Amino acid sequence: MTQTDHDHNHVLARAAEAVGRVVRGKDAQVRLALACFLARGHLLLEDLPGVGKTTLAQALARVLGLGFRRIQCTADLLPGDVLGVSVFDRRDGSFVFHPGPVFTQVLLADELNRATPKAQSALLEAMEERQATVEGATRPLPEPFFLVATQNPLEHAGVFPLPDSQRDRFLLRLSLGYPGREEEQGLLDAGGAARDLAGLAPVLDAAGAVALQGRAAAVHAAPALTAYVLDLVEHTRLCGDFAAGLSPRAGLGLLAAAKAHALLAGREHALPEDVQAVFPAVAGHRLRRRDTLAGPGPAWIADLLAAVPLP
């Protein structure tokens, strides 16, 4: 391991530890959120209001030294509110583009399923192509670009559920859940997470963050490991439990997330345990049970992993 590798590992450990000081008692979710970023994916946080989804997005942006913007999604949100608009400037008789909040490095789309399909789809190009086309002109987004979207799983009034094609574009879906008693006591004593957030110092900058994404992509995956990923994906398609199996995009994402998870563990090669660690967050929001069309619960995911032999 070179000195640079050691420095990168040290930085990642510091980043995870710093975010964990703000999002208390959720170390596994913090690591998965960081893995999602390193794998150049986008993150869907599906949870109750008030459990720290916004705090997690803000803490990641601050620790990684990245710009942060937030969109509060509502039924009257327009694509222009996301992407930006051209405004006529009387002084020189031309249109001047005013970039929307999507032109940032970490974008939080709060309650994404409250936005109309038209507004939701404004984010699709940004997520997939890392660019935005406004009024015929295509503009690249800043590097890196990381979308964190939240949605409330229980409330369906006034909600536009994300279509499968859009859910598939989120690399990971996580839930934070309620904090443990000890962590909640600490939150009460501190008067909330705002003070913790204010005290966070960046451990990286944009260039360093992009370099780490490159390192994650370069993590070695042996042929046996890629075969294991293919076996898992194929099993979801052939087992008959699901309305549709995982897509090729999901398979690519599973491998990329496993590599990022390995890098967070300080390794230059991915192991089956990395694939298993990220699999529930990669697969859970993409699969629909054939009998109820509901998502598979943890027991279904555990059974699925158990059914596919390890390499």
C-alpha atoms as a PDB file:
ATOM      1  CA  MET A   1       0.000   0.000   0.000  1.00  0.00           C
ATOM      2  CA  THR A   2       1.449   3.367  -0.999  1.00  0.00           C
ATOM      3  CA  GLN A   3       1.496   6.455   1.224  1.00  0.00           C
ATOM      4  CA  THR A   4      -1.268   7.980  -0.946  1.00  0.00           C
ATOM      5  CA  ASP A   5      -3.440   4.889  -0.438  1.00  0.00           C
ATOM      6  CA  HIS A   6      -2.881   5.147   3.309  1.00  0.00           C
ATOM      7  CA  ASP A   7      -3.814   8.865   3.245  1.00  0.00           C
ATOM      8  CA  HIS A   8      -7.000   8.101   1.305  1.00  0.00           C
ATOM      9  CA  ASN A   9      -7.990   5.374   3.781  1.00  0.00           C
ATOM     10  CA  HIS A  10      -7.301   7.734   6.678  1.00  0.00           C
ATOM     11  CA  VAL A  11      -9.448  10.471   5.081  1.00  0.00           C
ATOM     12  CA  LEU A  12     -12.357   8.062   4.498  1.00  0.00           C
ATOM     13  CA  ALA A  13     -12.192   6.822   8.095  1.00  0.00           C
ATOM     14  CA  ARG A  14     -12.218  10.449   9.321  1.00  0.00           C
ATOM     15  CA  ALA A  15     -15.156  11.281   7.053  1.00  0.00           C
ATOM     16  CA  ALA A  16     -17.230   8.336   8.312  1.00  0.00           C
ATOM     17  CA  GLU A  17     -16.361   9.161  11.922  1.00  0.00           C
ATOM     18  CA  ALA A  18     -17.247  12.872  11.510  1.00  0.00           C
ATOM     19  CA  VAL A  19     -20.648  12.173   9.888  1.00  0.00           C
ATOM     20  CA  GLY A  20     -21.298   9.554  12.586  1.00  0.00           C
ATOM     21  CA  ARG A  21     -20.857  12.226  15.275  1.00  0.00           C
ATOM     22  CA  VAL A  22     -23.836  14.095  13.799  1.00  0.00           C
ATOM     23  CA  VAL A  23     -26.020  11.174  12.648  1.00  0.00           C
ATOM     24  CA  ARG A  24     -25.647   9.288  15.908  1.00  0.00           C
ATOM     25  CA  GLY A  25     -25.783   5.509  16.260  1.00  0.00           C
ATOM     26  CA  LYS A  26     -26.234   4.892  12.517  1.00  0.00           C
ATOM     27  CA  ASP A  27     -22.693   3.844  11.552  1.00  0.00           C
ATOM     28  CA  ALA A  28     -23.826   1.175   9.046  1.00  0.00           C
ATOM     29  CA  GLN A  29     -26.101   3.636   7.222  1.00  0.00           C
ATOM     30  CA  VAL A  30     -23.397   6.332   7.219  1.00  0.00           C
ATOM     31  CA  ARG A  31     -20.917   3.895   5.648  1.00  0.00           C
ATOM     32  CA  LEU A  32     -23.457   2.843   3.021  1.00  0.00           C
ATOM     33  CA  ALA A  33     -24.264   6.483   2.210  1.00  0.00           C
ATOM     34  CA  LEU A  34     -20.532   7.175   1.774  1.00  0.00           C
ATOM     35  CA  ALA A  35     -20.203   4.041  -0.384  1.00  0.00           C
ATOM     36  CA  CYS A  36     -23.075   5.317  -2.540  1.00  0.00           C
ATOM     37  CA  PHE A  37     -21.222   8.603  -3.089  1.00  0.00           C
ATOM     38  CA  LEU A  38     -17.891   6.856  -3.815  1.00  0.00           C
ATOM     39  CA  ALA A  39     -19.627   4.606  -6.372  1.00  0.00           C
ATOM     40  CA  ARG A  40     -20.943   7.742  -8.173  1.00  0.00           C
ATOM     41  CA  GLY A  41     -24.498   6.688  -7.357  1.00  0.00           C
ATOM     42  CA  HIS A  42     -27.514   8.535  -5.985  1.00  0.00           C
ATOM     43  CA  LEU A  43     -29.183   7.881  -2.650  1.00  0.00           C
ATOM     44  CA  LEU A  44     -32.860   7.418  -1.769  1.00  0.00           C
ATOM     45  CA  LEU A  45     -33.691   7.879   1.921  1.00  0.00           C
ATOM     46  CA  GLU A  46     -37.105   6.421   2.696  1.00  0.00           C
ATOM     47  CA  ASP A  47     -38.164   7.128   6.244  1.00  0.00           C
ATOM     48  CA  LEU A  48     -40.397   8.925   8.697  1.00  0.00           C
ATOM     49  CA  PRO A  49     -40.044  12.711   9.057  1.00  0.00           C
ATOM     50  CA  GLY A  50     -37.647  13.948  11.711  1.00  0.00           C
ATOM     51  CA  VAL A  51     -35.207  11.025  11.946  1.00  0.00           C
ATOM     52  CA  GLY A  52     -32.210  12.818  10.413  1.00  0.00           C
ATOM     53  CA  LYS A  53     -32.433  12.384   6.618  1.00  0.00           C
ATOM     54  CA  THR A  54     -31.686  16.063   5.910  1.00  0.00           C
ATOM     55  CA  THR A  55     -28.960  16.079   8.566  1.00  0.00           C
ATOM     56  CA  LEU A  56     -27.241  13.111   6.888  1.00  0.00           C
ATOM     57  CA  ALA A  57     -27.211  14.867   3.489  1.00  0.00           C
ATOM     58  CA  GLN A  58     -25.893  18.121   4.978  1.00  0.00           C
ATOM     59  CA  ALA A  59     -23.236  16.321   7.042  1.00  0.00           C
ATOM     60  CA  LEU A  60     -21.968  14.386   3.994  1.00  0.00           C
ATOM     61  CA  ALA A  61     -21.712  17.601   1.948  1.00  0.00           C
ATOM     62  CA  ARG A  62     -19.897  19.447   4.718  1.00  0.00           C
ATOM     63  CA  VAL A  63     -17.409  16.662   5.514  1.00  0.00           C
ATOM     64  CA  LEU A  64     -16.631  16.090   1.811  1.00  0.00           C
ATOM     65  CA  GLY A  65     -16.145  19.847   1.283  1.00  0.00           C
ATOM     66  CA  LEU A  66     -18.903  20.058  -1.349  1.00  0.00           C
ATOM     67  CA  GLY A  67     -21.550  22.621  -2.250  1.00  0.00           C
ATOM     68  CA  PHE A  68     -25.054  21.850  -0.954  1.00  0.00           C
ATOM     69  CA  ARG A  69     -28.505  22.934  -2.161  1.00  0.00           C
ATOM     70  CA  ARG A  70     -31.972  21.765  -1.181  1.00  0.00           C
ATOM     71  CA  ILE A  71     -35.274  21.537  -3.065  1.00  0.00           C
ATOM     72  CA  GLN A  72     -38.491  21.137  -1.085  1.00  0.00           C
ATOM     73  CA  CYS A  73     -40.642  19.106  -3.473  1.00  0.00           C
ATOM     74  CA  THR A  74     -44.296  20.129  -3.689  1.00  0.00           C
ATOM     75  CA  ALA A  75     -47.112  19.492  -6.176  1.00  0.00           C
ATOM     76  CA  ASP A  76     -46.561  22.938  -7.774  1.00  0.00           C
ATOM     77  CA  LEU A  77     -42.795  22.483  -8.285  1.00  0.00           C
ATOM     78  CA  LEU A  78     -41.921  23.175 -11.945  1.00  0.00           C
ATOM     79  CA  PRO A  79     -38.960  21.778 -13.931  1.00  0.00           C
ATOM     80  CA  GLY A  80     -37.642  25.356 -14.153  1.00  0.00           C
ATOM     81  CA  ASP A  81     -37.567  25.514 -10.334  1.00  0.00           C
ATOM     82  CA  VAL A  82     -35.126  22.590 -10.427  1.00  0.00           C
ATOM     83  CA  LEU A  83     -33.070  23.287 -13.572  1.00  0.00           C
ATOM     84  CA  GLY A  84     -33.151  27.087 -13.818  1.00  0.00           C
ATOM     85  CA  VAL A  85     -34.575  29.608 -16.272  1.00  0.00           C
ATOM     86  CA  SER A  86     -33.426  32.232 -18.758  1.00  0.00           C
ATOM     87  CA  VAL A  87     -34.466  35.757 -17.821  1.00  0.00           C
ATOM     88  CA  PHE A  88     -34.564  38.676 -20.271  1.00  0.00           C
ATOM     89  CA  ASP A  89     -32.074  41.394 -19.365  1.00  0.00           C
ATOM     90  CA  ARG A  90     -33.370  44.764 -20.600  1.00  0.00           C
ATOM     91  CA  ARG A  91     -29.967  46.442 -20.331  1.00  0.00           C
ATOM     92  CA  ASP A  92     -28.309  44.499 -23.129  1.00  0.00           C
ATOM     93  CA  GLY A  93     -31.414  42.970 -24.728  1.00  0.00           C
ATOM     94  CA  SER A  94     -30.396  39.324 -24.177  1.00  0.00           C
ATOM     95  CA  PHE A  95     -31.510  36.346 -22.113  1.00  0.00           C
ATOM     96  CA  VAL A  96     -29.366  35.480 -19.088  1.00  0.00           C
ATOM     97  CA  PHE A  97     -29.480  31.945 -17.662  1.00  0.00           C
ATOM     98  CA  HIS A  98     -30.120  31.736 -13.928  1.00  0.00           C
ATOM     99  CA  PRO A  99     -29.043  28.225 -12.862  1.00  0.00           C
ATOM    100  CA  GLY A 100     -31.432  26.278 -10.637  1.00  0.00           C
ATOM    101  CA  PRO A 101     -30.517  24.350  -7.480  1.00  0.00           C
ATOM    102  CA  VAL A 102     -29.533  21.264  -9.537  1.00  0.00           C
ATOM    103  CA  PHE A 103     -26.252  23.052 -10.368  1.00  0.00           C
ATOM    104  CA  THR A 104     -24.563  22.033  -7.146  1.00  0.00           C
ATOM    105  CA  GLN A 105     -22.490  19.094  -5.891  1.00  0.00           C
ATOM    106  CA  VAL A 106     -24.819  17.612  -3.267  1.00  0.00           C
ATOM    107  CA  LEU A 107     -28.516  18.171  -4.007  1.00  0.00           C
ATOM    108  CA  LEU A 108     -31.173  17.212  -1.474  1.00  0.00           C
ATOM    109  CA  ALA A 109     -34.601  16.650  -3.065  1.00  0.00           C
ATOM    110  CA  ASP A 110     -36.835  16.557  -0.015  1.00  0.00           C
ATOM    111  CA  GLU A 111     -40.062  14.512  -0.308  1.00  0.00           C
ATOM    112  CA  LEU A 112     -39.410  13.711  -3.974  1.00  0.00           C
ATOM    113  CA  ASN A 113     -42.679  11.782  -4.263  1.00  0.00           C
ATOM    114  CA  ARG A 114     -44.642  15.009  -3.622  1.00  0.00           C
ATOM    115  CA  ALA A 115     -43.383  16.458  -6.927  1.00  0.00           C
ATOM    116  CA  THR A 116     -45.341  15.788 -10.119  1.00  0.00           C
ATOM    117  CA  PRO A 117     -43.944  13.287 -12.650  1.00  0.00           C
ATOM    118  CA  LYS A 118     -42.896  16.239 -14.850  1.00  0.00           C
ATOM    119  CA  ALA A 119     -40.807  17.762 -12.050  1.00  0.00           C
ATOM    120  CA  GLN A 120     -39.457  14.326 -11.028  1.00  0.00           C
ATOM    121  CA  SER A 121     -38.339  13.656 -14.599  1.00  0.00           C
ATOM    122  CA  ALA A 122     -36.421  16.951 -14.656  1.00  0.00           C
ATOM    123  CA  LEU A 123     -34.000  15.199 -12.305  1.00  0.00           C
ATOM    124  CA  LEU A 124     -33.656  12.055 -14.455  1.00  0.00           C
ATOM    125  CA  GLU A 125     -31.238  13.536 -16.995  1.00  0.00           C
ATOM    126  CA  ALA A 126     -29.233  15.100 -14.170  1.00  0.00           C
ATOM    127  CA  MET A 127     -28.959  11.740 -12.395  1.00  0.00           C
ATOM    128  CA  GLU A 128     -28.054   9.699 -15.447  1.00  0.00           C
ATOM    129  CA  GLU A 129     -26.146  12.082 -17.738  1.00  0.00           C
ATOM    130  CA  ARG A 130     -24.834  14.558 -15.111  1.00  0.00           C
ATOM    131  CA  GLN A 131     -26.081  17.388 -17.275  1.00  0.00           C
ATOM    132  CA  ALA A 132     -29.227  19.508 -17.579  1.00  0.00           C
ATOM    133  CA  THR A 133     -30.927  20.616 -20.776  1.00  0.00           C
ATOM    134  CA  VAL A 134     -32.777  23.882 -20.343  1.00  0.00           C
ATOM    135  CA  GLU A 135     -34.490  25.615 -23.272  1.00  0.00           C
ATOM    136  CA  GLY A 136     -32.479  23.592 -25.793  1.00  0.00           C
ATOM    137  CA  ALA A 137     -29.050  24.234 -24.250  1.00  0.00           C
ATOM    138  CA  THR A 138     -27.247  21.387 -22.458  1.00  0.00           C
ATOM    139  CA  ARG A 139     -25.104  22.374 -19.499  1.00  0.00           C
ATOM    140  CA  PRO A 140     -22.814  20.056 -17.523  1.00  0.00           C
ATOM    141  CA  LEU A 141     -23.373  19.763 -13.781  1.00  0.00           C
ATOM    142  CA  PRO A 142     -20.540  20.350 -11.312  1.00  0.00           C
ATOM    143  CA  GLU A 143     -18.275  17.423 -10.438  1.00  0.00           C
ATOM    144  CA  PRO A 144     -18.992  15.479  -8.340  1.00  0.00           C
ATOM    145  CA  PHE A 145     -22.813  15.463  -8.480  1.00  0.00           C
ATOM    146  CA  PHE A 146     -24.644  13.491  -5.791  1.00  0.00           C
ATOM    147  CA  LEU A 147     -28.427  13.489  -5.453  1.00  0.00           C
ATOM    148  CA  VAL A 148     -29.947  12.567  -2.097  1.00  0.00           C
ATOM    149  CA  ALA A 149     -33.733  12.237  -2.333  1.00  0.00           C
ATOM    150  CA  THR A 150     -36.062  11.608   0.583  1.00  0.00           C
ATOM    151  CA  GLN A 151     -39.559  10.240   0.685  1.00  0.00           C
ATOM    152  CA  ASN A 152     -42.035   9.405   3.398  1.00  0.00           C
ATOM    153  CA  PRO A 153     -43.037   5.723   3.067  1.00  0.00           C
ATOM    154  CA  LEU A 154     -46.341   5.880   4.935  1.00  0.00           C
ATOM    155  CA  GLU A 155     -48.223   8.891   3.634  1.00  0.00           C
ATOM    156  CA  HIS A 156     -49.870   8.396   0.274  1.00  0.00           C
ATOM    157  CA  ALA A 157     -52.201  11.415   0.140  1.00  0.00           C
ATOM    158  CA  GLY A 158     -51.041  13.881  -2.494  1.00  0.00           C
ATOM    159  CA  VAL A 159     -48.113  11.664  -3.454  1.00  0.00           C
ATOM    160  CA  PHE A 160     -46.834  10.676  -6.911  1.00  0.00           C
ATOM    161  CA  PRO A 161     -45.011   7.359  -6.411  1.00  0.00           C
ATOM    162  CA  LEU A 162     -41.683   7.141  -8.223  1.00  0.00           C
ATOM    163  CA  PRO A 163     -41.952   4.997 -11.365  1.00  0.00           C
ATOM    164  CA  ASP A 164     -39.757   1.881 -11.468  1.00  0.00           C
ATOM    165  CA  SER A 165     -37.501   3.497 -14.090  1.00  0.00           C
ATOM    166  CA  GLN A 166     -36.701   6.304 -11.650  1.00  0.00           C
ATOM    167  CA  ARG A 167     -36.286   4.056  -8.596  1.00  0.00           C
ATOM    168  CA  ASP A 168     -33.774   2.031 -10.632  1.00  0.00           C
ATOM    169  CA  ARG A 169     -31.631   5.155 -11.007  1.00  0.00           C
ATOM    170  CA  PHE A 170     -31.020   5.351  -7.273  1.00  0.00           C
ATOM    171  CA  LEU A 171     -28.049   3.153  -6.466  1.00  0.00           C
ATOM    172  CA  LEU A 172     -29.006   2.635  -2.803  1.00  0.00           C
ATOM    173  CA  ARG A 173     -32.105   3.047  -0.695  1.00  0.00           C
ATOM    174  CA  LEU A 174     -31.612   3.439   3.051  1.00  0.00           C
ATOM    175  CA  SER A 175     -33.792   3.944   6.098  1.00  0.00           C
ATOM    176  CA  LEU A 176     -32.362   5.495   9.252  1.00  0.00           C
ATOM    177  CA  GLY A 177     -35.097   4.518  11.711  1.00  0.00           C
ATOM    178  CA  TYR A 178     -35.428   5.890  15.219  1.00  0.00           C
ATOM    179  CA  PRO A 179     -32.210   6.486  17.188  1.00  0.00           C
ATOM    180  CA  GLY A 180     -31.336   4.265  20.126  1.00  0.00           C
ATOM    181  CA  ARG A 181     -32.126   5.618  23.586  1.00  0.00           C
ATOM    182  CA  GLU A 182     -28.523   6.597  24.333  1.00  0.00           C
ATOM    183  CA  GLU A 183     -28.156   8.424  20.993  1.00  0.00           C
ATOM    184  CA  GLU A 184     -31.481  10.211  21.481  1.00  0.00           C
ATOM    185  CA  GLN A 185     -30.390  11.269  24.963  1.00  0.00           C
ATOM    186  CA  GLY A 186     -27.251  12.776  23.395  1.00  0.00           C
ATOM    187  CA  LEU A 187     -29.416  14.538  20.797  1.00  0.00           C
ATOM    188  CA  LEU A 188     -31.630  15.999  23.536  1.00  0.00           C
ATOM    189  CA  ASP A 189     -28.612  17.102  25.580  1.00  0.00           C
ATOM    190  CA  ALA A 190     -27.084  18.806  22.539  1.00  0.00           C
ATOM    191  CA  GLY A 191     -30.358  20.533  21.644  1.00  0.00           C
ATOM    192  CA  GLY A 192     -30.589  18.829  18.224  1.00  0.00           C
ATOM    193  CA  ALA A 193     -28.105  18.197  15.433  1.00  0.00           C
ATOM    194  CA  ALA A 194     -27.701  21.829  14.296  1.00  0.00           C
ATOM    195  CA  ARG A 195     -24.809  22.525  16.680  1.00  0.00           C
ATOM    196  CA  ASP A 196     -23.077  19.269  15.702  1.00  0.00           C
ATOM    197  CA  LEU A 197     -23.445  20.228  12.013  1.00  0.00           C
ATOM    198  CA  ALA A 198     -22.017  23.707  12.604  1.00  0.00           C
ATOM    199  CA  GLY A 199     -18.940  22.142  14.182  1.00  0.00           C
ATOM    200  CA  LEU A 200     -18.175  19.847  11.234  1.00  0.00           C
ATOM    201  CA  ALA A 201     -14.972  20.631   9.343  1.00  0.00           C
ATOM    202  CA  PRO A 202     -14.307  19.352   5.799  1.00  0.00           C
ATOM    203  CA  VAL A 203     -11.809  16.502   5.521  1.00  0.00           C
ATOM    204  CA  LEU A 204     -11.784  16.717   1.690  1.00  0.00           C
ATOM    205  CA  ASP A 205     -12.519  19.066  -1.187  1.00  0.00           C
ATOM    206  CA  ALA A 206     -14.227  18.490  -4.559  1.00  0.00           C
ATOM    207  CA  ALA A 207     -10.995  17.396  -6.307  1.00  0.00           C
ATOM    208  CA  GLY A 208     -10.165  14.974  -3.488  1.00  0.00           C
ATOM    209  CA  ALA A 209     -13.700  13.579  -3.515  1.00  0.00           C
ATOM    210  CA  VAL A 210     -13.551  12.947  -7.286  1.00  0.00           C
ATOM    211  CA  ALA A 211     -10.140  11.274  -6.852  1.00  0.00           C
ATOM    212  CA  LEU A 212     -11.627   8.920  -4.248  1.00  0.00           C
ATOM    213  CA  GLN A 213     -14.475   8.051  -6.626  1.00  0.00           C
ATOM    214  CA  GLY A 214     -11.776   7.083  -9.131  1.00  0.00           C
ATOM    215  CA  ARG A 215     -10.059   4.952  -6.475  1.00  0.00           C
ATOM    216  CA  ALA A 216     -13.337   3.146  -5.731  1.00  0.00           C
ATOM    217  CA  ALA A 217     -13.856   2.355  -9.427  1.00  0.00           C
ATOM    218  CA  ALA A 218     -10.295   0.938  -9.579  1.00  0.00           C
ATOM    219  CA  VAL A 219     -10.820  -1.517  -6.685  1.00  0.00           C
ATOM    220  CA  HIS A 220     -10.114  -5.026  -7.975  1.00  0.00           C
ATOM    221  CA  ALA A 221     -13.009  -7.440  -8.488  1.00  0.00           C
ATOM    222  CA  ALA A 222     -11.883 -11.006  -9.271  1.00  0.00           C
ATOM    223  CA  PRO A 223     -13.760 -12.946 -12.001  1.00  0.00           C
ATOM    224  CA  ALA A 224     -15.287 -15.158  -9.279  1.00  0.00           C
ATOM    225  CA  LEU A 225     -16.728 -12.070  -7.583  1.00  0.00           C
ATOM    226  CA  THR A 226     -18.300 -10.671 -10.773  1.00  0.00           C
ATOM    227  CA  ALA A 227     -19.726 -14.161 -11.400  1.00  0.00           C
ATOM    228  CA  TYR A 228     -21.254 -14.038  -7.890  1.00  0.00           C
ATOM    229  CA  VAL A 229     -22.854 -10.657  -8.672  1.00  0.00           C
ATOM    230  CA  LEU A 230     -24.268 -12.129 -11.902  1.00  0.00           C
ATOM    231  CA  ASP A 231     -25.551 -15.193 -10.019  1.00  0.00           C
ATOM    232  CA  LEU A 232     -27.436 -12.950  -7.554  1.00  0.00           C
ATOM    233  CA  VAL A 233     -28.943 -10.825 -10.327  1.00  0.00           C
ATOM    234  CA  GLU A 234     -29.884 -13.909 -12.349  1.00  0.00           C
ATOM    235  CA  HIS A 235     -31.502 -15.559  -9.315  1.00  0.00           C
ATOM    236  CA  THR A 236     -33.893 -12.590  -8.893  1.00  0.00           C
ATOM    237  CA  ARG A 237     -34.969 -13.058 -12.523  1.00  0.00           C
ATOM    238  CA  LEU A 238     -35.402 -16.839 -12.445  1.00  0.00           C
ATOM    239  CA  CYS A 239     -36.641 -17.663  -8.931  1.00  0.00           C
ATOM    240  CA  GLY A 240     -40.239 -16.666  -9.684  1.00  0.00           C
ATOM    241  CA  ASP A 241     -40.711 -14.654  -6.456  1.00  0.00           C
ATOM    242  CA  PHE A 242     -40.556 -11.219  -8.086  1.00  0.00           C
ATOM    243  CA  ALA A 243     -42.622  -9.387 -10.695  1.00  0.00           C
ATOM    244  CA  ALA A 244     -39.363  -8.553 -12.480  1.00  0.00           C
ATOM    245  CA  GLY A 245     -35.736  -9.311 -11.639  1.00  0.00           C
ATOM    246  CA  LEU A 246     -32.867  -6.877 -11.184  1.00  0.00           C
ATOM    247  CA  SER A 247     -31.850  -4.891 -14.271  1.00  0.00           C
ATOM    248  CA  PRO A 248     -28.365  -4.837 -15.836  1.00  0.00           C
ATOM    249  CA  ARG A 249     -28.051  -1.318 -14.330  1.00  0.00           C
ATOM    250  CA  ALA A 250     -28.698  -2.831 -10.888  1.00  0.00           C
ATOM    251  CA  GLY A 251     -25.949  -5.425 -11.491  1.00  0.00           C
ATOM    252  CA  LEU A 252     -23.469  -2.706 -12.443  1.00  0.00           C
ATOM    253  CA  GLY A 253     -24.520  -0.723  -9.379  1.00  0.00           C
ATOM    254  CA  LEU A 254     -24.167  -3.736  -7.077  1.00  0.00           C
ATOM    255  CA  LEU A 255     -20.566  -4.264  -8.211  1.00  0.00           C
ATOM    256  CA  ALA A 256     -19.707  -0.536  -7.993  1.00  0.00           C
ATOM    257  CA  ALA A 257     -21.204  -0.287  -4.482  1.00  0.00           C
ATOM    258  CA  ALA A 258     -19.323  -3.425  -3.355  1.00  0.00           C
ATOM    259  CA  LYS A 259     -16.034  -1.924  -4.598  1.00  0.00           C
ATOM    260  CA  ALA A 260     -16.757   1.332  -2.740  1.00  0.00           C
ATOM    261  CA  HIS A 261     -17.601  -0.645   0.404  1.00  0.00           C
ATOM    262  CA  ALA A 262     -14.246  -2.449   0.095  1.00  0.00           C
ATOM    263  CA  LEU A 263     -12.401   0.881  -0.231  1.00  0.00           C
ATOM    264  CA  LEU A 264     -14.127   2.129   2.944  1.00  0.00           C
ATOM    265  CA  ALA A 265     -12.826  -1.004   4.687  1.00  0.00           C
ATOM    266  CA  GLY A 266      -9.293  -0.076   3.543  1.00  0.00           C
ATOM    267  CA  ARG A 267      -9.032  -2.832   0.916  1.00  0.00           C
ATOM    268  CA  GLU A 268      -7.947  -2.683  -2.730  1.00  0.00           C
ATOM    269  CA  HIS A 269     -10.039  -5.749  -3.647  1.00  0.00           C
ATOM    270  CA  ALA A 270     -13.738  -6.498  -3.189  1.00  0.00           C
ATOM    271  CA  LEU A 271     -14.946  -9.595  -1.332  1.00  0.00           C
ATOM    272  CA  PRO A 272     -18.292 -11.453  -1.289  1.00  0.00           C
ATOM    273  CA  GLU A 273     -18.960  -9.861   2.124  1.00  0.00           C
ATOM    274  CA  ASP A 274     -18.883  -6.415   0.432  1.00  0.00           C
ATOM    275  CA  VAL A 275     -21.514  -7.585  -2.078  1.00  0.00           C
ATOM    276  CA  GLN A 276     -23.658  -8.957   0.750  1.00  0.00           C
ATOM    277  CA  ALA A 277     -23.284  -5.765   2.816  1.00  0.00           C
ATOM    278  CA  VAL A 278     -24.613  -3.523   0.036  1.00  0.00           C
ATOM    279  CA  PHE A 279     -27.096  -5.969  -1.538  1.00  0.00           C
ATOM    280  CA  PRO A 280     -30.177  -5.140   0.635  1.00  0.00           C
ATOM    281  CA  ALA A 281     -29.797  -1.394  -0.075  1.00  0.00           C
ATOM    282  CA  VAL A 282     -29.207  -1.996  -3.811  1.00  0.00           C
ATOM    283  CA  ALA A 283     -31.993  -4.555  -4.350  1.00  0.00           C
ATOM    284  CA  GLY A 284     -34.718  -3.677  -1.838  1.00  0.00           C
ATOM    285  CA  HIS A 285     -36.263  -0.759  -3.745  1.00  0.00           C
ATOM    286  CA  ARG A 286     -35.934  -2.400  -7.167  1.00  0.00           C
ATOM    287  CA  LEU A 287     -37.750  -5.671  -6.493  1.00  0.00           C
ATOM    288  CA  ARG A 288     -41.510  -6.217  -6.191  1.00  0.00           C
ATOM    289  CA  ARG A 289     -42.935  -9.454  -4.802  1.00  0.00           C
ATOM    290  CA  ARG A 290     -45.056 -11.235  -7.375  1.00  0.00           C
ATOM    291  CA  ASP A 291     -47.831 -12.037  -4.851  1.00  0.00           C
ATOM    292  CA  THR A 292     -48.424  -8.552  -3.377  1.00  0.00           C
ATOM    293  CA  LEU A 293     -46.303  -6.182  -5.529  1.00  0.00           C
ATOM    294  CA  ALA A 294     -44.879  -4.914  -2.211  1.00  0.00           C
ATOM    295  CA  GLY A 295     -41.135  -4.600  -1.746  1.00  0.00           C
ATOM    296  CA  PRO A 296     -39.314  -7.594  -0.251  1.00  0.00           C
ATOM    297  CA  GLY A 297     -38.711  -7.345   3.503  1.00  0.00           C
ATOM    298  CA  PRO A 298     -35.390  -8.159   5.222  1.00  0.00           C
ATOM    299  CA  ALA A 299     -36.344 -11.856   5.535  1.00  0.00           C
ATOM    300  CA  TRP A 300     -36.893 -12.134   1.760  1.00  0.00           C
ATOM    301  CA  ILE A 301     -33.519 -10.489   1.084  1.00  0.00           C
ATOM    302  CA  ALA A 302     -31.784 -12.807   3.587  1.00  0.00           C
ATOM    303  CA  ASP A 303     -33.388 -15.852   1.915  1.00  0.00           C
ATOM    304  CA  LEU A 304     -32.301 -14.587  -1.502  1.00  0.00           C
ATOM    305  CA  LEU A 305     -28.683 -14.204  -0.338  1.00  0.00           C
ATOM    306  CA  ALA A 306     -28.795 -17.648   1.299  1.00  0.00           C
ATOM    307  CA  ALA A 307     -30.087 -19.239  -1.928  1.00  0.00           C
ATOM    308  CA  VAL A 308     -27.081 -18.195  -4.020  1.00  0.00           C
ATOM    309  CA  PRO A 309     -23.832 -20.100  -3.270  1.00  0.00           C
ATOM    310  CA  LEU A 310     -20.785 -18.045  -2.312  1.00  0.00           C
ATOM    311  CA  PRO A 311     -17.822 -18.159  -4.718  1.00  0.00           C
END
